[in-house]
Amino acid sequence: MNKVIQFFLEAKAEMLKVNWPTRKQTANYTLLVVAVSIVVAGFLGGLDWVFSYILKTFIIK
């Protein structure tokens, strides 16, 4: 039982050392992730559309 208690005490001590981001940083990082996800989705969607168009136009007539 002492090892379990020691584990939680050490875990708490380590969590106090963590440099947590501010609310503003978290919001900025979240917006960045959403924006990059939208750009990548648009890029992949565009590639899909181009390849589908090529396939339908030149290969499957």
PDB file of N, CA and C in Angstrom:
ATOM      1  N   MET A   1       0.827  -1.200   0.000  1.00  0.00           N
ATOM      2  CA  MET A   1       0.000   0.000   0.000  1.00  0.00           C
ATOM      3  C   MET A   1       0.864   1.255   0.000  1.00  0.00           C
ATOM      4  N   ASN A   2       2.043   1.182   0.636  1.00  0.00           N
ATOM      5  CA  ASN A   2       2.924   2.343   0.686  1.00  0.00           C
ATOM      6  C   ASN A   2       3.416   2.735  -0.707  1.00  0.00           C
ATOM      7  N   LYS A   3       3.625   1.733  -1.562  1.00  0.00           N
ATOM      8  CA  LYS A   3       4.086   2.040  -2.918  1.00  0.00           C
ATOM      9  C   LYS A   3       3.020   2.784  -3.715  1.00  0.00           C
ATOM     10  N   VAL A   4       1.764   2.431  -3.509  1.00  0.00           N
ATOM     11  CA  VAL A   4       0.670   3.111  -4.204  1.00  0.00           C
ATOM     12  C   VAL A   4       0.578   4.559  -3.740  1.00  0.00           C
ATOM     13  N   ILE A   5       0.650   4.772  -2.458  1.00  0.00           N
ATOM     14  CA  ILE A   5       0.600   6.131  -1.908  1.00  0.00           C
ATOM     15  C   ILE A   5       1.797   6.936  -2.400  1.00  0.00           C
ATOM     16  N   GLN A   6       2.966   6.323  -2.393  1.00  0.00           N
ATOM     17  CA  GLN A   6       4.174   6.997  -2.869  1.00  0.00           C
ATOM     18  C   GLN A   6       4.044   7.375  -4.343  1.00  0.00           C
ATOM     19  N   PHE A   7       3.459   6.474  -5.129  1.00  0.00           N
ATOM     20  CA  PHE A   7       3.254   6.756  -6.546  1.00  0.00           C
ATOM     21  C   PHE A   7       2.403   7.998  -6.740  1.00  0.00           C
ATOM     22  N   PHE A   8       1.279   8.077  -6.038  1.00  0.00           N
ATOM     23  CA  PHE A   8       0.393   9.226  -6.193  1.00  0.00           C
ATOM     24  C   PHE A   8       1.031  10.514  -5.685  1.00  0.00           C
ATOM     25  N   LEU A   9       1.797  10.442  -4.638  1.00  0.00           N
ATOM     26  CA  LEU A   9       2.495  11.637  -4.149  1.00  0.00           C
ATOM     27  C   LEU A   9       3.522  12.120  -5.168  1.00  0.00           C
ATOM     28  N   GLU A  10       4.251  11.201  -5.771  1.00  0.00           N
ATOM     29  CA  GLU A  10       5.232  11.580  -6.784  1.00  0.00           C
ATOM     30  C   GLU A  10       4.551  12.097  -8.050  1.00  0.00           C
ATOM     31  N   ALA A  11       3.421  11.496  -8.410  1.00  0.00           N
ATOM     32  CA  ALA A  11       2.679  11.964  -9.577  1.00  0.00           C
ATOM     33  C   ALA A  11       2.182  13.390  -9.360  1.00  0.00           C
ATOM     34  N   LYS A  12       1.686  13.664  -8.162  1.00  0.00           N
ATOM     35  CA  LYS A  12       1.224  15.017  -7.846  1.00  0.00           C
ATOM     36  C   LYS A  12       2.380  16.011  -7.897  1.00  0.00           C
ATOM     37  N   ALA A  13       3.532  15.622  -7.377  1.00  0.00           N
ATOM     38  CA  ALA A  13       4.705  16.501  -7.392  1.00  0.00           C
ATOM     39  C   ALA A  13       5.132  16.804  -8.827  1.00  0.00           C
ATOM     40  N   GLU A  14       5.079  15.804  -9.701  1.00  0.00           N
ATOM     41  CA  GLU A  14       5.455  16.018 -11.102  1.00  0.00           C
ATOM     42  C   GLU A  14       4.440  16.916 -11.806  1.00  0.00           C
ATOM     43  N   MET A  15       3.161  16.758 -11.514  1.00  0.00           N
ATOM     44  CA  MET A  15       2.129  17.585 -12.151  1.00  0.00           C
ATOM     45  C   MET A  15       2.268  19.049 -11.740  1.00  0.00           C
ATOM     46  N   LEU A  16       2.783  19.293 -10.558  1.00  0.00           N
ATOM     47  CA  LEU A  16       2.998  20.675 -10.133  1.00  0.00           C
ATOM     48  C   LEU A  16       4.147  21.325 -10.886  1.00  0.00           C
ATOM     49  N   LYS A  17       5.046  20.533 -11.468  1.00  0.00           N
ATOM     50  CA  LYS A  17       6.177  21.053 -12.230  1.00  0.00           C
ATOM     51  C   LYS A  17       5.820  21.381 -13.672  1.00  0.00           C
ATOM     52  N   VAL A  18       4.653  20.919 -14.119  1.00  0.00           N
ATOM     53  CA  VAL A  18       4.262  21.103 -15.520  1.00  0.00           C
ATOM     54  C   VAL A  18       3.972  22.571 -15.789  1.00  0.00           C
ATOM     55  N   ASN A  19       4.460  23.056 -16.935  1.00  0.00           N
ATOM     56  CA  ASN A  19       4.192  24.432 -17.358  1.00  0.00           C
ATOM     57  C   ASN A  19       2.956  24.415 -18.252  1.00  0.00           C
ATOM     58  N   TRP A  20       1.783  24.652 -17.655  1.00  0.00           N
ATOM     59  CA  TRP A  20       0.526  24.569 -18.386  1.00  0.00           C
ATOM     60  C   TRP A  20       0.332  25.805 -19.256  1.00  0.00           C
ATOM     61  N   PRO A  21      -0.243  25.657 -20.458  1.00  0.00           N
ATOM     62  CA  PRO A  21      -0.493  26.828 -21.316  1.00  0.00           C
ATOM     63  C   PRO A  21      -1.624  27.683 -20.742  1.00  0.00           C
ATOM     64  N   THR A  22      -1.574  28.957 -21.102  1.00  0.00           N
ATOM     65  CA  THR A  22      -2.633  29.862 -20.655  1.00  0.00           C
ATOM     66  C   THR A  22      -3.890  29.605 -21.475  1.00  0.00           C
ATOM     67  N   ARG A  23      -4.981  30.219 -21.051  1.00  0.00           N
ATOM     68  CA  ARG A  23      -6.248  30.065 -21.776  1.00  0.00           C
ATOM     69  C   ARG A  23      -6.117  30.608 -23.192  1.00  0.00           C
ATOM     70  N   LYS A  24      -5.412  31.735 -23.345  1.00  0.00           N
ATOM     71  CA  LYS A  24      -5.234  32.336 -24.669  1.00  0.00           C
ATOM     72  C   LYS A  24      -4.388  31.431 -25.573  1.00  0.00           C
ATOM     73  N   GLN A  25      -3.327  30.864 -25.034  1.00  0.00           N
ATOM     74  CA  GLN A  25      -2.490  29.945 -25.819  1.00  0.00           C
ATOM     75  C   GLN A  25      -3.293  28.724 -26.254  1.00  0.00           C
ATOM     76  N   THR A  26      -4.096  28.190 -25.350  1.00  0.00           N
ATOM     77  CA  THR A  26      -4.912  27.033 -25.684  1.00  0.00           C
ATOM     78  C   THR A  26      -5.900  27.356 -26.794  1.00  0.00           C
ATOM     79  N   ALA A  27      -6.524  28.521 -26.717  1.00  0.00           N
ATOM     80  CA  ALA A  27      -7.469  28.933 -27.764  1.00  0.00           C
ATOM     81  C   ALA A  27      -6.740  29.105 -29.095  1.00  0.00           C
ATOM     82  N   ASN A  28      -5.559  29.732 -29.073  1.00  0.00           N
ATOM     83  CA  ASN A  28      -4.803  29.925 -30.310  1.00  0.00           C
ATOM     84  C   ASN A  28      -4.376  28.597 -30.925  1.00  0.00           C
ATOM     85  N   TYR A  29      -3.907  27.684 -30.103  1.00  0.00           N
ATOM     86  CA  TYR A  29      -3.490  26.375 -30.611  1.00  0.00           C
ATOM     87  C   TYR A  29      -4.683  25.601 -31.168  1.00  0.00           C
ATOM     88  N   THR A  30      -5.825  25.726 -30.505  1.00  0.00           N
ATOM     89  CA  THR A  30      -7.029  25.041 -30.995  1.00  0.00           C
ATOM     90  C   THR A  30      -7.443  25.599 -32.352  1.00  0.00           C
ATOM     91  N   LEU A  31      -7.444  26.918 -32.492  1.00  0.00           N
ATOM     92  CA  LEU A  31      -7.795  27.531 -33.778  1.00  0.00           C
ATOM     93  C   LEU A  31      -6.804  27.140 -34.867  1.00  0.00           C
ATOM     94  N   LEU A  32      -5.532  27.053 -34.512  1.00  0.00           N
ATOM     95  CA  LEU A  32      -4.521  26.641 -35.475  1.00  0.00           C
ATOM     96  C   LEU A  32      -4.766  25.215 -35.952  1.00  0.00           C
ATOM     97  N   VAL A  33      -5.079  24.319 -35.038  1.00  0.00           N
ATOM     98  CA  VAL A  33      -5.345  22.924 -35.404  1.00  0.00           C
ATOM     99  C   VAL A  33      -6.583  22.832 -36.295  1.00  0.00           C
ATOM    100  N   VAL A  34      -7.631  23.583 -35.968  1.00  0.00           N
ATOM    101  CA  VAL A  34      -8.846  23.564 -36.782  1.00  0.00           C
ATOM    102  C   VAL A  34      -8.554  24.119 -38.175  1.00  0.00           C
ATOM    103  N   ALA A  35      -7.807  25.215 -38.262  1.00  0.00           N
ATOM    104  CA  ALA A  35      -7.488  25.811 -39.561  1.00  0.00           C
ATOM    105  C   ALA A  35      -6.645  24.877 -40.421  1.00  0.00           C
ATOM    106  N   VAL A  36      -5.635  24.275 -39.839  1.00  0.00           N
ATOM    107  CA  VAL A  36      -4.786  23.340 -40.593  1.00  0.00           C
ATOM    108  C   VAL A  36      -5.599  22.130 -41.040  1.00  0.00           C
ATOM    109  N   SER A  37      -6.494  21.655 -40.194  1.00  0.00           N
ATOM    110  CA  SER A  37      -7.343  20.520 -40.561  1.00  0.00           C
ATOM    111  C   SER A  37      -8.241  20.867 -41.744  1.00  0.00           C
ATOM    112  N   ILE A  38      -8.800  22.072 -41.748  1.00  0.00           N
ATOM    113  CA  ILE A  38      -9.657  22.499 -42.855  1.00  0.00           C
ATOM    114  C   ILE A  38      -8.851  22.620 -44.143  1.00  0.00           C
ATOM    115  N   VAL A  39      -7.648  23.190 -44.058  1.00  0.00           N
ATOM    116  CA  VAL A  39      -6.800  23.327 -45.249  1.00  0.00           C
ATOM    117  C   VAL A  39      -6.420  21.961 -45.809  1.00  0.00           C
ATOM    118  N   VAL A  40      -6.029  21.047 -44.959  1.00  0.00           N
ATOM    119  CA  VAL A  40      -5.646  19.706 -45.406  1.00  0.00           C
ATOM    120  C   VAL A  40      -6.857  18.987 -46.002  1.00  0.00           C
ATOM    121  N   ALA A  41      -8.021  19.120 -45.381  1.00  0.00           N
ATOM    122  CA  ALA A  41      -9.231  18.497 -45.914  1.00  0.00           C
ATOM    123  C   ALA A  41      -9.572  19.066 -47.284  1.00  0.00           C
ATOM    124  N   GLY A  42      -9.432  20.380 -47.451  1.00  0.00           N
ATOM    125  CA  GLY A  42      -9.677  20.998 -48.755  1.00  0.00           C
ATOM    126  C   GLY A  42      -8.697  20.518 -49.810  1.00  0.00           C
ATOM    127  N   PHE A  43      -7.436  20.414 -49.433  1.00  0.00           N
ATOM    128  CA  PHE A  43      -6.404  19.938 -50.357  1.00  0.00           C
ATOM    129  C   PHE A  43      -6.688  18.501 -50.789  1.00  0.00           C
ATOM    130  N   LEU A  44      -6.961  17.632 -49.826  1.00  0.00           N
ATOM    131  CA  LEU A  44      -7.244  16.234 -50.156  1.00  0.00           C
ATOM    132  C   LEU A  44      -8.546  16.098 -50.941  1.00  0.00           C
ATOM    133  N   GLY A  45      -9.542  16.901 -50.609  1.00  0.00           N
ATOM    134  CA  GLY A  45     -10.794  16.898 -51.366  1.00  0.00           C
ATOM    135  C   GLY A  45     -10.574  17.355 -52.794  1.00  0.00           C
ATOM    136  N   GLY A  46      -9.719  18.376 -52.972  1.00  0.00           N
ATOM    137  CA  GLY A  46      -9.385  18.839 -54.318  1.00  0.00           C
ATOM    138  C   GLY A  46      -8.665  17.776 -55.122  1.00  0.00           C
ATOM    139  N   LEU A  47      -7.717  17.102 -54.498  1.00  0.00           N
ATOM    140  CA  LEU A  47      -7.028  16.009 -55.196  1.00  0.00           C
ATOM    141  C   LEU A  47      -8.005  14.904 -55.583  1.00  0.00           C
ATOM    142  N   ASP A  48      -8.913  14.582 -54.695  1.00  0.00           N
ATOM    143  CA  ASP A  48      -9.917  13.557 -54.985  1.00  0.00           C
ATOM    144  C   ASP A  48     -10.778  13.975 -56.172  1.00  0.00           C
ATOM    145  N   TRP A  49     -11.186  15.230 -56.188  1.00  0.00           N
ATOM    146  CA  TRP A  49     -12.016  15.721 -57.282  1.00  0.00           C
ATOM    147  C   TRP A  49     -11.247  15.673 -58.604  1.00  0.00           C
ATOM    148  N   VAL A  50      -9.982  16.097 -58.603  1.00  0.00           N
ATOM    149  CA  VAL A  50      -9.169  16.092 -59.825  1.00  0.00           C
ATOM    150  C   VAL A  50      -8.980  14.665 -60.332  1.00  0.00           C
ATOM    151  N   PHE A  51      -8.619  13.757 -59.467  1.00  0.00           N
ATOM    152  CA  PHE A  51      -8.405  12.378 -59.902  1.00  0.00           C
ATOM    153  C   PHE A  51      -9.712  11.731 -60.362  1.00  0.00           C
ATOM    154  N   SER A  52     -10.822  12.049 -59.702  1.00  0.00           N
ATOM    155  CA  SER A  52     -12.119  11.523 -60.146  1.00  0.00           C
ATOM    156  C   SER A  52     -12.474  12.069 -61.520  1.00  0.00           C
ATOM    157  N   TYR A  53     -12.226  13.351 -61.731  1.00  0.00           N
ATOM    158  CA  TYR A  53     -12.504  13.973 -63.036  1.00  0.00           C
ATOM    159  C   TYR A  53     -11.654  13.327 -64.127  1.00  0.00           C
ATOM    160  N   ILE A  54     -10.372  13.144 -63.851  1.00  0.00           N
ATOM    161  CA  ILE A  54      -9.482  12.501 -64.831  1.00  0.00           C
ATOM    162  C   ILE A  54      -9.949  11.084 -65.115  1.00  0.00           C
ATOM    163  N   LEU A  55     -10.299  10.363 -64.082  1.00  0.00           N
ATOM    164  CA  LEU A  55     -10.739   8.982 -64.242  1.00  0.00           C
ATOM    165  C   LEU A  55     -12.019   8.906 -65.084  1.00  0.00           C
ATOM    166  N   LYS A  56     -12.983   9.777 -64.782  1.00  0.00           N
ATOM    167  CA  LYS A  56     -14.248   9.758 -65.511  1.00  0.00           C
ATOM    168  C   LYS A  56     -14.094  10.252 -66.941  1.00  0.00           C
ATOM    169  N   THR A  57     -13.205  11.226 -67.168  1.00  0.00           N
ATOM    170  CA  THR A  57     -13.069  11.833 -68.476  1.00  0.00           C
ATOM    171  C   THR A  57     -12.214  11.005 -69.419  1.00  0.00           C
ATOM    172  N   PHE A  58     -11.104  10.521 -68.970  1.00  0.00           N
ATOM    173  CA  PHE A  58     -10.156   9.891 -69.879  1.00  0.00           C
ATOM    174  C   PHE A  58     -10.112   8.361 -69.803  1.00  0.00           C
ATOM    175  N   ILE A  59     -10.484   7.804 -68.694  1.00  0.00           N
ATOM    176  CA  ILE A  59     -10.336   6.370 -68.545  1.00  0.00           C
ATOM    177  C   ILE A  59     -11.687   5.644 -68.695  1.00  0.00           C
ATOM    178  N   ILE A  60     -12.709   6.140 -68.018  1.00  0.00           N
ATOM    179  CA  ILE A  60     -14.036   5.531 -68.088  1.00  0.00           C
ATOM    180  C   ILE A  60     -14.895   6.412 -68.992  1.00  0.00           C
ATOM    181  N   LYS A  61     -15.116   5.990 -70.221  1.00  0.00           N
ATOM    182  CA  LYS A  61     -15.922   6.794 -71.135  1.00  0.00           C
ATOM    183  C   LYS A  61     -17.252   6.175 -71.375  1.00  0.00           C
TER     184      LYS A  61
END
